[in-house]
Amino acid sequence: MRQRAGVVALAAAAGATDLLALTVLGGAFASIVTGNLVTLGFGVGTAEPSRIVPVAIAVTAYGLGVLLWRLLPATVTVPLLAELGLLAVLAGGLIADPGAGARRVLLAVAALAMGGQSVVGLRLRASTTYMTGALATALAGDLRKAGPALVPLMSLVAGAAATAALANVATWAAAVVPAVLVAVAAGCLRTPAGDTPPPRGSRATDTAAHPSGSR
């Protein structure tokens, strides 16, 4: 139950972070790599650097996050604390009302954190940042069992919606949503079961070692 709550909180954090990245940090997603690549193709095809630069930053930082988080201890607590630190930097930067250059740096910070969160999700054998595969898997199987599999997807939407609503009331409140949600997830997952990595040779471990960019 605690692990499920942690996964829900992480999915909501991804939605909140993507919302901030898309609306405040230059128009690129922090974790939706395939969406960014389509936008990159659009920018290249129309020769619009304003579209190319943000998505190039986001995709590069996301990939770097995956590579760096693979080097952290094979648990979930330490990687989540590292992600929390980055999201705290993101919140502080957004509250300070950054200029254009600083927003690009914060976009990289957000994408770096989401790349790290993807590694945590793989260790938990759960989707917390890339939901397309989760949706297809849920709908392609037994539809009577699809509900629980779709909960992280709904959490992603809820996180984005809550952040958007808060942004209309207080910018600082919206800025801290991702960090608060990851802190909640870290508390839920700070258990022996949550800190046990998947067995070597498992599908989750193999995917973490060879990320395929499935989103």
C-alpha atoms as a PDB file:
ATOM      1  CA  MET A   1       0.000   0.000   0.000  1.00  0.00           C
ATOM      2  CA  ARG A   2       2.825   2.412   0.883  1.00  0.00           C
ATOM      3  CA  GLN A   3       4.630   1.624  -2.349  1.00  0.00           C
ATOM      4  CA  ARG A   4       1.459   2.242  -4.351  1.00  0.00           C
ATOM      5  CA  ALA A   5       1.004   5.604  -2.622  1.00  0.00           C
ATOM      6  CA  GLY A   6       4.619   6.460  -3.411  1.00  0.00           C
ATOM      7  CA  VAL A   7       4.140   5.623  -7.082  1.00  0.00           C
ATOM      8  CA  VAL A   8       0.991   7.762  -7.213  1.00  0.00           C
ATOM      9  CA  ALA A   9       2.859  10.699  -5.655  1.00  0.00           C
ATOM     10  CA  LEU A  10       5.729  10.335  -8.138  1.00  0.00           C
ATOM     11  CA  ALA A  11       3.368  10.245 -11.101  1.00  0.00           C
ATOM     12  CA  ALA A  12       1.643  13.388  -9.825  1.00  0.00           C
ATOM     13  CA  ALA A  13       5.060  15.036  -9.383  1.00  0.00           C
ATOM     14  CA  ALA A  14       5.875  14.247 -13.018  1.00  0.00           C
ATOM     15  CA  GLY A  15       2.629  15.861 -14.143  1.00  0.00           C
ATOM     16  CA  ALA A  16       3.328  18.940 -12.030  1.00  0.00           C
ATOM     17  CA  THR A  17       6.910  19.231 -13.300  1.00  0.00           C
ATOM     18  CA  ASP A  18       5.866  18.831 -16.927  1.00  0.00           C
ATOM     19  CA  LEU A  19       3.198  21.501 -16.484  1.00  0.00           C
ATOM     20  CA  LEU A  20       5.751  23.972 -15.119  1.00  0.00           C
ATOM     21  CA  ALA A  21       8.277  23.116 -17.822  1.00  0.00           C
ATOM     22  CA  LEU A  22       5.728  23.478 -20.588  1.00  0.00           C
ATOM     23  CA  THR A  23       4.128  26.721 -19.412  1.00  0.00           C
ATOM     24  CA  VAL A  24       6.933  28.578 -17.632  1.00  0.00           C
ATOM     25  CA  LEU A  25      10.289  27.175 -18.700  1.00  0.00           C
ATOM     26  CA  GLY A  26      10.233  27.451 -22.475  1.00  0.00           C
ATOM     27  CA  GLY A  27       7.587  25.154 -23.913  1.00  0.00           C
ATOM     28  CA  ALA A  28       9.313  21.769 -23.600  1.00  0.00           C
ATOM     29  CA  PHE A  29       8.316  18.797 -21.460  1.00  0.00           C
ATOM     30  CA  ALA A  30      10.572  17.716 -18.623  1.00  0.00           C
ATOM     31  CA  SER A  31       9.828  14.008 -19.044  1.00  0.00           C
ATOM     32  CA  ILE A  32       7.822  13.355 -22.229  1.00  0.00           C
ATOM     33  CA  VAL A  33      10.765  12.628 -24.499  1.00  0.00           C
ATOM     34  CA  THR A  34       8.820  11.529 -27.572  1.00  0.00           C
ATOM     35  CA  GLY A  35       6.678  14.671 -27.448  1.00  0.00           C
ATOM     36  CA  ASN A  36       9.862  16.730 -27.273  1.00  0.00           C
ATOM     37  CA  LEU A  37      11.352  14.885 -30.239  1.00  0.00           C
ATOM     38  CA  VAL A  38       8.280  15.628 -32.348  1.00  0.00           C
ATOM     39  CA  THR A  39       8.605  19.288 -31.395  1.00  0.00           C
ATOM     40  CA  LEU A  40      12.307  19.107 -32.262  1.00  0.00           C
ATOM     41  CA  GLY A  41      11.435  17.746 -35.692  1.00  0.00           C
ATOM     42  CA  PHE A  42       8.927  20.566 -36.113  1.00  0.00           C
ATOM     43  CA  GLY A  43      11.563  23.129 -35.220  1.00  0.00           C
ATOM     44  CA  VAL A  44      14.105  21.618 -37.597  1.00  0.00           C
ATOM     45  CA  GLY A  45      11.586  21.364 -40.423  1.00  0.00           C
ATOM     46  CA  THR A  46      10.459  24.963 -40.017  1.00  0.00           C
ATOM     47  CA  ALA A  47      13.922  26.324 -39.131  1.00  0.00           C
ATOM     48  CA  GLU A  48      12.664  27.797 -35.831  1.00  0.00           C
ATOM     49  CA  PRO A  49      15.452  27.853 -33.219  1.00  0.00           C
ATOM     50  CA  SER A  50      12.960  28.975 -30.578  1.00  0.00           C
ATOM     51  CA  ARG A  51      11.413  25.496 -30.757  1.00  0.00           C
ATOM     52  CA  ILE A  52      14.675  23.583 -31.114  1.00  0.00           C
ATOM     53  CA  VAL A  53      16.645  24.964 -28.165  1.00  0.00           C
ATOM     54  CA  PRO A  54      14.223  24.164 -25.289  1.00  0.00           C
ATOM     55  CA  VAL A  55      13.535  20.600 -26.406  1.00  0.00           C
ATOM     56  CA  ALA A  56      17.217  19.946 -27.067  1.00  0.00           C
ATOM     57  CA  ILE A  57      17.979  21.085 -23.516  1.00  0.00           C
ATOM     58  CA  ALA A  58      15.182  18.955 -22.052  1.00  0.00           C
ATOM     59  CA  VAL A  59      16.028  15.760 -23.942  1.00  0.00           C
ATOM     60  CA  THR A  60      19.754  16.065 -23.212  1.00  0.00           C
ATOM     61  CA  ALA A  61      19.201  16.733 -19.508  1.00  0.00           C
ATOM     62  CA  TYR A  62      16.673  13.889 -19.220  1.00  0.00           C
ATOM     63  CA  GLY A  63      19.131  11.427 -20.760  1.00  0.00           C
ATOM     64  CA  LEU A  64      21.891  12.698 -18.475  1.00  0.00           C
ATOM     65  CA  GLY A  65      19.601  12.187 -15.490  1.00  0.00           C
ATOM     66  CA  VAL A  66      19.054   8.547 -16.457  1.00  0.00           C
ATOM     67  CA  LEU A  67      22.792   7.968 -16.822  1.00  0.00           C
ATOM     68  CA  LEU A  68      23.700   9.702 -13.557  1.00  0.00           C
ATOM     69  CA  TRP A  69      20.980   8.027 -11.473  1.00  0.00           C
ATOM     70  CA  ARG A  70      22.214   4.611 -12.622  1.00  0.00           C
ATOM     71  CA  LEU A  71      25.404   5.380 -10.670  1.00  0.00           C
ATOM     72  CA  LEU A  72      23.553   6.002  -7.402  1.00  0.00           C
ATOM     73  CA  PRO A  73      22.984   3.214  -4.838  1.00  0.00           C
ATOM     74  CA  ALA A  74      20.599   0.524  -6.077  1.00  0.00           C
ATOM     75  CA  THR A  75      17.793   1.629  -3.768  1.00  0.00           C
ATOM     76  CA  VAL A  76      15.057   4.211  -4.190  1.00  0.00           C
ATOM     77  CA  THR A  77      15.640   6.411  -1.125  1.00  0.00           C
ATOM     78  CA  VAL A  78      18.970   7.963  -2.152  1.00  0.00           C
ATOM     79  CA  PRO A  79      17.881   8.609  -5.769  1.00  0.00           C
ATOM     80  CA  LEU A  80      14.635  10.194  -4.548  1.00  0.00           C
ATOM     81  CA  LEU A  81      16.521  12.458  -2.160  1.00  0.00           C
ATOM     82  CA  ALA A  82      18.771  13.528  -5.029  1.00  0.00           C
ATOM     83  CA  GLU A  83      15.693  14.269  -7.129  1.00  0.00           C
ATOM     84  CA  LEU A  84      14.151  16.182  -4.236  1.00  0.00           C
ATOM     85  CA  GLY A  85      17.247  18.372  -4.049  1.00  0.00           C
ATOM     86  CA  LEU A  86      16.927  19.263  -7.735  1.00  0.00           C
ATOM     87  CA  LEU A  87      13.219  20.018  -7.400  1.00  0.00           C
ATOM     88  CA  ALA A  88      13.966  22.275  -4.437  1.00  0.00           C
ATOM     89  CA  VAL A  89      16.387  24.185  -6.668  1.00  0.00           C
ATOM     90  CA  LEU A  90      13.661  24.339  -9.320  1.00  0.00           C
ATOM     91  CA  ALA A  91      11.147  25.733  -6.809  1.00  0.00           C
ATOM     92  CA  GLY A  92      13.576  28.337  -5.523  1.00  0.00           C
ATOM     93  CA  GLY A  93      14.450  29.423  -9.039  1.00  0.00           C
ATOM     94  CA  LEU A  94      10.826  29.772 -10.084  1.00  0.00           C
ATOM     95  CA  ILE A  95       9.915  31.739  -6.960  1.00  0.00           C
ATOM     96  CA  ALA A  96      12.772  34.139  -7.769  1.00  0.00           C
ATOM     97  CA  ASP A  97      11.060  34.944 -11.093  1.00  0.00           C
ATOM     98  CA  PRO A  98      13.985  34.051 -13.391  1.00  0.00           C
ATOM     99  CA  GLY A  99      14.907  35.624 -16.703  1.00  0.00           C
ATOM    100  CA  ALA A 100      15.040  33.775 -20.016  1.00  0.00           C
ATOM    101  CA  GLY A 101      18.546  32.392 -19.510  1.00  0.00           C
ATOM    102  CA  ALA A 102      17.830  31.177 -15.988  1.00  0.00           C
ATOM    103  CA  ARG A 103      14.601  29.525 -17.162  1.00  0.00           C
ATOM    104  CA  ARG A 104      16.604  27.376 -19.564  1.00  0.00           C
ATOM    105  CA  VAL A 105      18.869  26.320 -16.719  1.00  0.00           C
ATOM    106  CA  LEU A 106      15.802  25.458 -14.628  1.00  0.00           C
ATOM    107  CA  LEU A 107      14.369  23.482 -17.555  1.00  0.00           C
ATOM    108  CA  ALA A 108      17.545  21.407 -17.541  1.00  0.00           C
ATOM    109  CA  VAL A 109      17.212  20.931 -13.770  1.00  0.00           C
ATOM    110  CA  ALA A 110      13.605  19.762 -14.150  1.00  0.00           C
ATOM    111  CA  ALA A 111      14.430  17.328 -16.961  1.00  0.00           C
ATOM    112  CA  LEU A 112      17.461  16.012 -15.066  1.00  0.00           C
ATOM    113  CA  ALA A 113      15.200  15.273 -12.102  1.00  0.00           C
ATOM    114  CA  MET A 114      12.647  13.493 -14.294  1.00  0.00           C
ATOM    115  CA  GLY A 115      15.343  11.358 -15.897  1.00  0.00           C
ATOM    116  CA  GLY A 116      16.391  10.326 -12.402  1.00  0.00           C
ATOM    117  CA  GLN A 117      12.786   9.614 -11.442  1.00  0.00           C
ATOM    118  CA  SER A 118      12.457   7.319 -14.441  1.00  0.00           C
ATOM    119  CA  VAL A 119      15.268   5.178 -13.040  1.00  0.00           C
ATOM    120  CA  VAL A 120      13.457   5.039  -9.695  1.00  0.00           C
ATOM    121  CA  GLY A 121      10.289   3.953 -11.497  1.00  0.00           C
ATOM    122  CA  LEU A 122      12.150   1.136 -13.200  1.00  0.00           C
ATOM    123  CA  ARG A 123      13.462  -0.044  -9.857  1.00  0.00           C
ATOM    124  CA  LEU A 124       9.915  -0.039  -8.526  1.00  0.00           C
ATOM    125  CA  ARG A 125       8.649  -1.782 -11.681  1.00  0.00           C
ATOM    126  CA  ALA A 126       6.163   1.070 -12.118  1.00  0.00           C
ATOM    127  CA  SER A 127       5.535   3.848 -14.622  1.00  0.00           C
ATOM    128  CA  THR A 128       5.895   7.269 -13.026  1.00  0.00           C
ATOM    129  CA  THR A 129       7.049   9.465 -15.924  1.00  0.00           C
ATOM    130  CA  TYR A 130       6.274   7.632 -19.181  1.00  0.00           C
ATOM    131  CA  MET A 131       2.642   6.673 -19.402  1.00  0.00           C
ATOM    132  CA  THR A 132       2.006   5.760 -23.045  1.00  0.00           C
ATOM    133  CA  GLY A 133       3.232   2.212 -22.543  1.00  0.00           C
ATOM    134  CA  ALA A 134       1.290   1.915 -19.287  1.00  0.00           C
ATOM    135  CA  LEU A 135      -1.916   2.955 -21.033  1.00  0.00           C
ATOM    136  CA  ALA A 136      -1.394   0.512 -23.893  1.00  0.00           C
ATOM    137  CA  THR A 137      -0.512  -2.325 -21.520  1.00  0.00           C
ATOM    138  CA  ALA A 138      -3.589  -1.694 -19.376  1.00  0.00           C
ATOM    139  CA  LEU A 139      -5.982  -1.552 -22.318  1.00  0.00           C
ATOM    140  CA  ALA A 140      -4.434  -4.439 -24.223  1.00  0.00           C
ATOM    141  CA  GLY A 141      -4.846  -6.827 -21.294  1.00  0.00           C
ATOM    142  CA  ASP A 142      -7.821  -7.768 -19.171  1.00  0.00           C
ATOM    143  CA  LEU A 143      -9.955  -4.611 -19.085  1.00  0.00           C
ATOM    144  CA  ARG A 144     -11.469  -5.709 -15.780  1.00  0.00           C
ATOM    145  CA  LYS A 145      -8.023  -5.255 -14.230  1.00  0.00           C
ATOM    146  CA  ALA A 146      -7.150  -2.039 -16.071  1.00  0.00           C
ATOM    147  CA  GLY A 147      -8.299   0.303 -13.292  1.00  0.00           C
ATOM    148  CA  PRO A 148      -5.308  -0.007 -10.926  1.00  0.00           C
ATOM    149  CA  ALA A 149      -2.879   0.182 -13.851  1.00  0.00           C
ATOM    150  CA  LEU A 150      -4.407   3.483 -14.916  1.00  0.00           C
ATOM    151  CA  VAL A 151      -4.124   5.117 -11.475  1.00  0.00           C
ATOM    152  CA  PRO A 152      -0.631   6.573 -12.139  1.00  0.00           C
ATOM    153  CA  LEU A 153      -1.905   8.035 -15.422  1.00  0.00           C
ATOM    154  CA  MET A 154      -4.764   9.743 -13.606  1.00  0.00           C
ATOM    155  CA  SER A 155      -2.313  10.929 -10.955  1.00  0.00           C
ATOM    156  CA  LEU A 156      -0.173  12.524 -13.659  1.00  0.00           C
ATOM    157  CA  VAL A 157      -3.203  14.513 -14.837  1.00  0.00           C
ATOM    158  CA  ALA A 158      -4.141  15.430 -11.279  1.00  0.00           C
ATOM    159  CA  GLY A 159      -0.647  16.726 -10.549  1.00  0.00           C
ATOM    160  CA  ALA A 160      -0.695  18.913 -13.638  1.00  0.00           C
ATOM    161  CA  ALA A 161      -4.208  20.171 -12.898  1.00  0.00           C
ATOM    162  CA  ALA A 162      -3.407  21.038  -9.281  1.00  0.00           C
ATOM    163  CA  THR A 163      -0.269  22.903 -10.309  1.00  0.00           C
ATOM    164  CA  ALA A 164      -2.129  24.864 -12.978  1.00  0.00           C
ATOM    165  CA  ALA A 165      -4.850  25.817 -10.494  1.00  0.00           C
ATOM    166  CA  LEU A 166      -2.316  26.931  -7.886  1.00  0.00           C
ATOM    167  CA  ALA A 167      -0.421  28.988 -10.478  1.00  0.00           C
ATOM    168  CA  ASN A 168      -3.482  31.187 -10.814  1.00  0.00           C
ATOM    169  CA  VAL A 169      -3.476  31.836  -7.071  1.00  0.00           C
ATOM    170  CA  ALA A 170       0.179  31.936  -5.994  1.00  0.00           C
ATOM    171  CA  THR A 171       3.234  31.232  -8.138  1.00  0.00           C
ATOM    172  CA  TRP A 172       5.251  30.019  -5.154  1.00  0.00           C
ATOM    173  CA  ALA A 173       2.610  27.415  -4.310  1.00  0.00           C
ATOM    174  CA  ALA A 174       2.707  25.952  -7.822  1.00  0.00           C
ATOM    175  CA  ALA A 175       6.513  25.971  -7.778  1.00  0.00           C
ATOM    176  CA  VAL A 176       6.780  23.778  -4.690  1.00  0.00           C
ATOM    177  CA  VAL A 177       4.240  21.127  -5.760  1.00  0.00           C
ATOM    178  CA  PRO A 178       6.757  18.749  -7.431  1.00  0.00           C
ATOM    179  CA  ALA A 179       9.145  18.880  -4.468  1.00  0.00           C
ATOM    180  CA  VAL A 180       6.348  18.307  -1.947  1.00  0.00           C
ATOM    181  CA  LEU A 181       5.056  15.308  -3.903  1.00  0.00           C
ATOM    182  CA  VAL A 182       8.495  13.722  -4.198  1.00  0.00           C
ATOM    183  CA  ALA A 183       9.046  14.281  -0.463  1.00  0.00           C
ATOM    184  CA  VAL A 184       5.763  12.433   0.169  1.00  0.00           C
ATOM    185  CA  ALA A 185       6.889   9.626  -2.154  1.00  0.00           C
ATOM    186  CA  ALA A 186      10.255   9.358  -0.397  1.00  0.00           C
ATOM    187  CA  GLY A 187       8.446   9.012   2.932  1.00  0.00           C
ATOM    188  CA  CYS A 188       6.165   6.308   1.564  1.00  0.00           C
ATOM    189  CA  LEU A 189       8.971   4.356  -0.057  1.00  0.00           C
ATOM    190  CA  ARG A 190      11.464   4.583   2.807  1.00  0.00           C
ATOM    191  CA  THR A 191      10.873   0.964   3.829  1.00  0.00           C
ATOM    192  CA  PRO A 192      12.953  -2.206   3.460  1.00  0.00           C
ATOM    193  CA  ALA A 193      10.662  -3.383   0.663  1.00  0.00           C
ATOM    194  CA  GLY A 194      10.836  -0.045  -1.096  1.00  0.00           C
ATOM    195  CA  ASP A 195      14.635  -0.023  -0.900  1.00  0.00           C
ATOM    196  CA  THR A 196      15.103  -3.501  -2.342  1.00  0.00           C
ATOM    197  CA  PRO A 197      16.256  -3.343  -5.969  1.00  0.00           C
ATOM    198  CA  PRO A 198      14.792  -5.785  -8.486  1.00  0.00           C
ATOM    199  CA  PRO A 199      16.730  -9.042  -8.893  1.00  0.00           C
ATOM    200  CA  ARG A 200      19.638  -8.909 -11.334  1.00  0.00           C
ATOM    201  CA  GLY A 201      18.474 -10.042 -14.738  1.00  0.00           C
ATOM    202  CA  SER A 202      14.895  -8.898 -14.134  1.00  0.00           C
ATOM    203  CA  ARG A 203      13.071  -6.949 -16.804  1.00  0.00           C
ATOM    204  CA  ALA A 204      13.221  -3.746 -14.750  1.00  0.00           C
ATOM    205  CA  THR A 205      16.984  -4.034 -14.211  1.00  0.00           C
ATOM    206  CA  ASP A 206      17.601  -4.787 -17.880  1.00  0.00           C
ATOM    207  CA  THR A 207      15.523  -1.808 -18.931  1.00  0.00           C
ATOM    208  CA  ALA A 208      17.359   0.470 -16.532  1.00  0.00           C
ATOM    209  CA  ALA A 209      20.663  -0.712 -17.953  1.00  0.00           C
ATOM    210  CA  HIS A 210      19.475  -0.166 -21.523  1.00  0.00           C
ATOM    211  CA  PRO A 211      16.856   2.629 -21.513  1.00  0.00           C
ATOM    212  CA  SER A 212      14.875   2.524 -24.726  1.00  0.00           C
ATOM    213  CA  GLY A 213      13.140   5.913 -24.502  1.00  0.00           C
ATOM    214  CA  SER A 214       9.737   4.233 -24.675  1.00  0.00           C
ATOM    215  CA  ARG A 215       7.859   7.459 -24.264  1.00  0.00           C
END
